[in-house]
Amino acid sequence: MEESDLSALRERAERGDKDAVDQLIALAGEQGDFDELRRLADQGNTTASDQLIELAGEQGDFDELRRLADQGNTTASDQLIELASEQGNFDELRRLANQGNITAAEVLGELEE
């Protein structure tokens, strides 16, 4: 998609065109465009948040998942726990457990047995 088409799509989305928003999310997900997904998610779009979490999980982006989890996104927390357990990242699991995340504490306990 050319930049002019993308700009037009963004303008439509900003005017409340839900189809344009959906197209932007799909395009950003396909292209791995964290910035676009983050921008839409920060505007409160849960579909963009979900896509951002999925992309971050696929790419092993602990920082992005941590940012979202620290903002209270439970889906991001769950993805972060899954990624940390898959990669044996005990420090991340401990950090989450110390913040009161029961699932992280349980997973940590299982892995440390």
N, C-alpha and C. Protein backbone atom coordinates (compact mmCIF):
# COMPACT_ATOMS: atom_id res chain seq x y z
N MET A 1 0.85 -1.17 0.00
CA MET A 1 0.00 0.00 0.00
C MET A 1 0.89 1.24 0.00
N GLU A 2 0.56 2.16 -0.85
CA GLU A 2 1.34 3.40 -0.95
C GLU A 2 1.03 4.30 0.24
N GLU A 3 1.96 5.17 0.53
CA GLU A 3 1.82 6.07 1.68
C GLU A 3 0.57 6.94 1.57
N SER A 4 0.24 7.39 0.37
CA SER A 4 -0.95 8.23 0.21
C SER A 4 -2.22 7.43 0.52
N ASP A 5 -2.25 6.15 0.13
CA ASP A 5 -3.40 5.30 0.45
C ASP A 5 -3.49 5.06 1.95
N LEU A 6 -2.34 4.86 2.57
CA LEU A 6 -2.29 4.63 4.01
C LEU A 6 -2.76 5.88 4.76
N SER A 7 -2.35 7.04 4.30
CA SER A 7 -2.78 8.30 4.93
C SER A 7 -4.29 8.48 4.80
N ALA A 8 -4.82 8.15 3.64
CA ALA A 8 -6.27 8.26 3.45
C ALA A 8 -7.01 7.28 4.36
N LEU A 9 -6.47 6.10 4.51
CA LEU A 9 -7.07 5.09 5.38
C LEU A 9 -7.03 5.57 6.84
N ARG A 10 -5.93 6.16 7.24
CA ARG A 10 -5.83 6.69 8.61
C ARG A 10 -6.84 7.82 8.84
N GLU A 11 -7.00 8.68 7.84
CA GLU A 11 -7.97 9.79 7.95
C GLU A 11 -9.38 9.24 8.11
N ARG A 12 -9.72 8.23 7.32
CA ARG A 12 -11.04 7.61 7.45
C ARG A 12 -11.22 7.01 8.83
N ALA A 13 -10.19 6.35 9.32
CA ALA A 13 -10.25 5.73 10.65
C ALA A 13 -10.45 6.79 11.72
N GLU A 14 -9.75 7.90 11.60
CA GLU A 14 -9.85 8.97 12.59
C GLU A 14 -11.22 9.62 12.57
N ARG A 15 -11.93 9.53 11.46
CA ARG A 15 -13.30 10.06 11.37
C ARG A 15 -14.33 9.06 11.87
N GLY A 16 -13.84 7.90 12.35
CA GLY A 16 -14.75 6.92 12.93
C GLY A 16 -15.18 5.80 12.01
N ASP A 17 -14.55 5.66 10.86
CA ASP A 17 -14.89 4.58 9.92
C ASP A 17 -14.32 3.26 10.45
N LYS A 18 -15.21 2.42 10.99
CA LYS A 18 -14.77 1.16 11.61
C LYS A 18 -14.11 0.22 10.61
N ASP A 19 -14.57 0.22 9.37
CA ASP A 19 -13.93 -0.62 8.35
C ASP A 19 -12.49 -0.18 8.11
N ALA A 20 -12.27 1.12 8.11
CA ALA A 20 -10.91 1.64 7.92
C ALA A 20 -10.02 1.24 9.10
N VAL A 21 -10.56 1.31 10.31
CA VAL A 21 -9.81 0.89 11.49
C VAL A 21 -9.44 -0.58 11.38
N ASP A 22 -10.41 -1.41 11.01
CA ASP A 22 -10.16 -2.84 10.86
C ASP A 22 -9.10 -3.11 9.80
N GLN A 23 -9.15 -2.36 8.71
CA GLN A 23 -8.15 -2.52 7.65
C GLN A 23 -6.76 -2.12 8.14
N LEU A 24 -6.70 -1.03 8.90
CA LEU A 24 -5.42 -0.59 9.45
C LEU A 24 -4.83 -1.64 10.39
N ILE A 25 -5.68 -2.22 11.22
CA ILE A 25 -5.22 -3.24 12.15
C ILE A 25 -4.71 -4.46 11.40
N ALA A 26 -5.47 -4.91 10.42
CA ALA A 26 -5.06 -6.08 9.64
C ALA A 26 -3.73 -5.81 8.91
N LEU A 27 -3.64 -4.66 8.30
CA LEU A 27 -2.43 -4.29 7.57
C LEU A 27 -1.23 -4.19 8.51
N ALA A 28 -1.42 -3.55 9.65
CA ALA A 28 -0.33 -3.41 10.62
C ALA A 28 0.11 -4.78 11.14
N GLY A 29 -0.84 -5.66 11.37
CA GLY A 29 -0.50 -7.00 11.82
C GLY A 29 0.29 -7.76 10.79
N GLU A 30 -0.12 -7.68 9.54
CA GLU A 30 0.57 -8.37 8.45
C GLU A 30 1.99 -7.84 8.27
N GLN A 31 2.16 -6.54 8.45
CA GLN A 31 3.46 -5.91 8.22
C GLN A 31 4.32 -5.87 9.48
N GLY A 32 3.77 -6.33 10.60
CA GLY A 32 4.53 -6.28 11.85
C GLY A 32 4.78 -4.87 12.31
N ASP A 33 3.81 -3.99 12.08
CA ASP A 33 3.96 -2.57 12.39
C ASP A 33 3.52 -2.30 13.83
N PHE A 34 4.47 -2.45 14.74
CA PHE A 34 4.19 -2.23 16.16
C PHE A 34 3.69 -0.81 16.43
N ASP A 35 4.28 0.18 15.76
CA ASP A 35 3.91 1.58 16.01
C ASP A 35 2.44 1.84 15.69
N GLU A 36 1.99 1.33 14.55
CA GLU A 36 0.59 1.55 14.16
C GLU A 36 -0.35 0.82 15.12
N LEU A 37 -0.03 -0.41 15.46
CA LEU A 37 -0.87 -1.15 16.40
C LEU A 37 -0.88 -0.48 17.76
N ARG A 38 0.28 -0.01 18.20
CA ARG A 38 0.38 0.68 19.50
C ARG A 38 -0.46 1.95 19.49
N ARG A 39 -0.40 2.69 18.40
CA ARG A 39 -1.17 3.94 18.28
C ARG A 39 -2.66 3.66 18.40
N LEU A 40 -3.13 2.64 17.69
CA LEU A 40 -4.55 2.29 17.73
C LEU A 40 -4.94 1.71 19.09
N ALA A 41 -4.08 0.89 19.65
CA ALA A 41 -4.35 0.31 20.97
C ALA A 41 -4.41 1.41 22.04
N ASP A 42 -3.52 2.38 21.94
CA ASP A 42 -3.49 3.47 22.91
C ASP A 42 -4.74 4.35 22.82
N GLN A 43 -5.44 4.26 21.68
CA GLN A 43 -6.72 4.98 21.52
C GLN A 43 -7.89 4.17 22.06
N GLY A 44 -7.57 3.00 22.62
CA GLY A 44 -8.61 2.19 23.24
C GLY A 44 -9.17 1.08 22.37
N ASN A 45 -8.56 0.82 21.23
CA ASN A 45 -9.06 -0.23 20.34
C ASN A 45 -8.57 -1.59 20.84
N THR A 46 -9.50 -2.41 21.33
CA THR A 46 -9.12 -3.70 21.91
C THR A 46 -8.65 -4.69 20.84
N THR A 47 -9.17 -4.58 19.63
CA THR A 47 -8.71 -5.47 18.56
C THR A 47 -7.24 -5.18 18.24
N ALA A 48 -6.88 -3.90 18.22
CA ALA A 48 -5.49 -3.53 17.99
C ALA A 48 -4.61 -4.02 19.14
N SER A 49 -5.12 -3.92 20.37
CA SER A 49 -4.38 -4.43 21.53
C SER A 49 -4.13 -5.92 21.40
N ASP A 50 -5.18 -6.65 21.03
CA ASP A 50 -5.04 -8.10 20.88
C ASP A 50 -4.04 -8.45 19.79
N GLN A 51 -4.09 -7.73 18.68
CA GLN A 51 -3.16 -7.97 17.58
C GLN A 51 -1.73 -7.64 18.00
N LEU A 52 -1.59 -6.57 18.76
CA LEU A 52 -0.27 -6.16 19.25
C LEU A 52 0.30 -7.22 20.18
N ILE A 53 -0.53 -7.75 21.06
CA ILE A 53 -0.09 -8.81 21.98
C ILE A 53 0.30 -10.06 21.21
N GLU A 54 -0.50 -10.42 20.23
CA GLU A 54 -0.19 -11.61 19.41
C GLU A 54 1.14 -11.43 18.70
N LEU A 55 1.33 -10.28 18.08
CA LEU A 55 2.57 -10.00 17.35
C LEU A 55 3.77 -9.98 18.30
N ALA A 56 3.61 -9.35 19.44
CA ALA A 56 4.70 -9.30 20.41
C ALA A 56 5.06 -10.70 20.90
N GLY A 57 4.06 -11.53 21.12
CA GLY A 57 4.31 -12.90 21.53
C GLY A 57 5.04 -13.70 20.47
N GLU A 58 4.59 -13.54 19.22
CA GLU A 58 5.23 -14.27 18.11
C GLU A 58 6.68 -13.87 17.95
N GLN A 59 6.97 -12.59 18.19
CA GLN A 59 8.33 -12.09 17.99
C GLN A 59 9.16 -12.11 19.27
N GLY A 60 8.57 -12.61 20.35
CA GLY A 60 9.31 -12.70 21.60
C GLY A 60 9.67 -11.36 22.19
N ASP A 61 8.80 -10.37 21.99
CA ASP A 61 9.08 -9.01 22.44
C ASP A 61 8.63 -8.83 23.89
N PHE A 62 9.53 -9.17 24.82
CA PHE A 62 9.24 -9.05 26.25
C PHE A 62 8.90 -7.61 26.63
N ASP A 63 9.63 -6.65 26.07
CA ASP A 63 9.42 -5.25 26.44
C ASP A 63 8.00 -4.79 26.14
N GLU A 64 7.50 -5.13 24.96
CA GLU A 64 6.14 -4.71 24.58
C GLU A 64 5.10 -5.41 25.45
N LEU A 65 5.28 -6.70 25.66
CA LEU A 65 4.34 -7.43 26.51
C LEU A 65 4.38 -6.90 27.94
N ARG A 66 5.56 -6.61 28.43
CA ARG A 66 5.72 -6.06 29.78
C ARG A 66 5.03 -4.71 29.89
N ARG A 67 5.21 -3.86 28.89
CA ARG A 67 4.58 -2.53 28.89
C ARG A 67 3.06 -2.67 28.99
N LEU A 68 2.49 -3.55 28.19
CA LEU A 68 1.04 -3.74 28.20
C LEU A 68 0.57 -4.40 29.50
N ALA A 69 1.31 -5.39 29.96
CA ALA A 69 0.95 -6.06 31.21
C ALA A 69 1.01 -5.08 32.38
N ASP A 70 2.02 -4.23 32.40
CA ASP A 70 2.16 -3.27 33.48
C ASP A 70 1.05 -2.21 33.46
N GLN A 71 0.38 -2.08 32.32
CA GLN A 71 -0.76 -1.17 32.21
C GLN A 71 -2.06 -1.86 32.63
N GLY A 72 -1.94 -3.14 33.01
CA GLY A 72 -3.11 -3.85 33.49
C GLY A 72 -3.78 -4.76 32.47
N ASN A 73 -3.16 -4.95 31.32
CA ASN A 73 -3.73 -5.81 30.30
C ASN A 73 -3.48 -7.28 30.68
N THR A 74 -4.53 -7.98 31.07
CA THR A 74 -4.37 -9.36 31.54
C THR A 74 -4.01 -10.31 30.42
N THR A 75 -4.45 -10.03 29.21
CA THR A 75 -4.07 -10.88 28.08
C THR A 75 -2.57 -10.78 27.84
N ALA A 76 -2.04 -9.58 27.94
CA ALA A 76 -0.59 -9.40 27.79
C ALA A 76 0.16 -10.10 28.92
N SER A 77 -0.39 -10.04 30.13
CA SER A 77 0.23 -10.75 31.26
C SER A 77 0.28 -12.24 30.99
N ASP A 78 -0.82 -12.78 30.52
CA ASP A 78 -0.87 -14.21 30.22
C ASP A 78 0.14 -14.59 29.14
N GLN A 79 0.23 -13.77 28.10
CA GLN A 79 1.17 -14.03 27.01
C GLN A 79 2.60 -13.91 27.51
N LEU A 80 2.84 -12.95 28.38
CA LEU A 80 4.16 -12.76 28.95
C LEU A 80 4.57 -13.96 29.80
N ILE A 81 3.64 -14.47 30.58
CA ILE A 81 3.91 -15.65 31.39
C ILE A 81 4.22 -16.84 30.50
N GLU A 82 3.42 -17.02 29.46
CA GLU A 82 3.64 -18.13 28.53
C GLU A 82 5.01 -18.03 27.88
N LEU A 83 5.36 -16.84 27.39
CA LEU A 83 6.64 -16.64 26.72
C LEU A 83 7.80 -16.85 27.70
N ALA A 84 7.66 -16.30 28.90
CA ALA A 84 8.72 -16.45 29.90
C ALA A 84 8.92 -17.91 30.28
N SER A 85 7.82 -18.65 30.41
CA SER A 85 7.96 -20.06 30.77
C SER A 85 8.56 -20.87 29.63
N GLU A 86 8.18 -20.56 28.39
CA GLU A 86 8.74 -21.25 27.23
C GLU A 86 10.24 -21.03 27.12
N GLN A 87 10.68 -19.83 27.47
CA GLN A 87 12.09 -19.49 27.32
C GLN A 87 12.88 -19.66 28.63
N GLY A 88 12.20 -20.15 29.67
CA GLY A 88 12.88 -20.36 30.93
C GLY A 88 13.35 -19.07 31.58
N ASN A 89 12.58 -18.00 31.37
CA ASN A 89 12.94 -16.69 31.92
C ASN A 89 12.37 -16.58 33.35
N PHE A 90 13.10 -17.15 34.29
CA PHE A 90 12.68 -17.18 35.69
C PHE A 90 12.60 -15.77 36.27
N ASP A 91 13.51 -14.90 35.85
CA ASP A 91 13.51 -13.53 36.37
C ASP A 91 12.19 -12.82 36.06
N GLU A 92 11.70 -12.99 34.83
CA GLU A 92 10.44 -12.35 34.46
C GLU A 92 9.28 -12.95 35.24
N LEU A 93 9.29 -14.27 35.39
CA LEU A 93 8.23 -14.91 36.17
C LEU A 93 8.27 -14.45 37.63
N ARG A 94 9.46 -14.31 38.20
CA ARG A 94 9.59 -13.82 39.57
C ARG A 94 9.08 -12.38 39.68
N ARG A 95 9.43 -11.56 38.70
CA ARG A 95 8.99 -10.15 38.70
C ARG A 95 7.47 -10.09 38.74
N LEU A 96 6.83 -10.89 37.89
CA LEU A 96 5.37 -10.91 37.84
C LEU A 96 4.78 -11.47 39.13
N ALA A 97 5.39 -12.53 39.63
CA ALA A 97 4.91 -13.14 40.88
C ALA A 97 5.03 -12.15 42.04
N ASN A 98 6.13 -11.41 42.07
CA ASN A 98 6.34 -10.42 43.13
C ASN A 98 5.35 -9.27 43.05
N GLN A 99 4.78 -9.07 41.87
CA GLN A 99 3.74 -8.04 41.70
C GLN A 99 2.36 -8.57 42.05
N GLY A 100 2.32 -9.84 42.45
CA GLY A 100 1.05 -10.42 42.87
C GLY A 100 0.35 -11.26 41.82
N ASN A 101 1.03 -11.55 40.72
CA ASN A 101 0.42 -12.37 39.68
C ASN A 101 0.45 -13.83 40.11
N ILE A 102 -0.71 -14.35 40.45
CA ILE A 102 -0.81 -15.72 40.97
C ILE A 102 -0.42 -16.75 39.92
N THR A 103 -0.83 -16.52 38.68
CA THR A 103 -0.49 -17.47 37.61
C THR A 103 1.01 -17.57 37.44
N ALA A 104 1.69 -16.43 37.45
CA ALA A 104 3.16 -16.43 37.32
C ALA A 104 3.79 -17.18 38.48
N ALA A 105 3.26 -16.99 39.68
CA ALA A 105 3.79 -17.69 40.85
C ALA A 105 3.59 -19.20 40.72
N GLU A 106 2.43 -19.61 40.22
CA GLU A 106 2.16 -21.03 40.04
C GLU A 106 3.07 -21.64 38.99
N VAL A 107 3.23 -20.96 37.86
CA VAL A 107 4.10 -21.45 36.79
C VAL A 107 5.54 -21.52 37.29
N LEU A 108 5.98 -20.51 38.00
CA LEU A 108 7.32 -20.49 38.55
C LEU A 108 7.53 -21.68 39.49
N GLY A 109 6.55 -21.92 40.34
CA GLY A 109 6.63 -23.05 41.25
C GLY A 109 6.74 -24.38 40.54
N GLU A 110 5.98 -24.53 39.45
CA GLU A 110 6.03 -25.76 38.66
C GLU A 110 7.38 -25.92 37.99
N LEU A 111 7.92 -24.86 37.47
CA LEU A 111 9.20 -24.93 36.75
C LEU A 111 10.38 -25.16 37.68
N GLU A 112 10.25 -24.69 38.90
CA GLU A 112 11.36 -24.83 39.85
C GLU A 112 11.35 -26.18 40.54
N GLU A 113 10.32 -26.98 40.36
CA GLU A 113 10.26 -28.32 41.00
C GLU A 113 11.26 -29.27 40.41
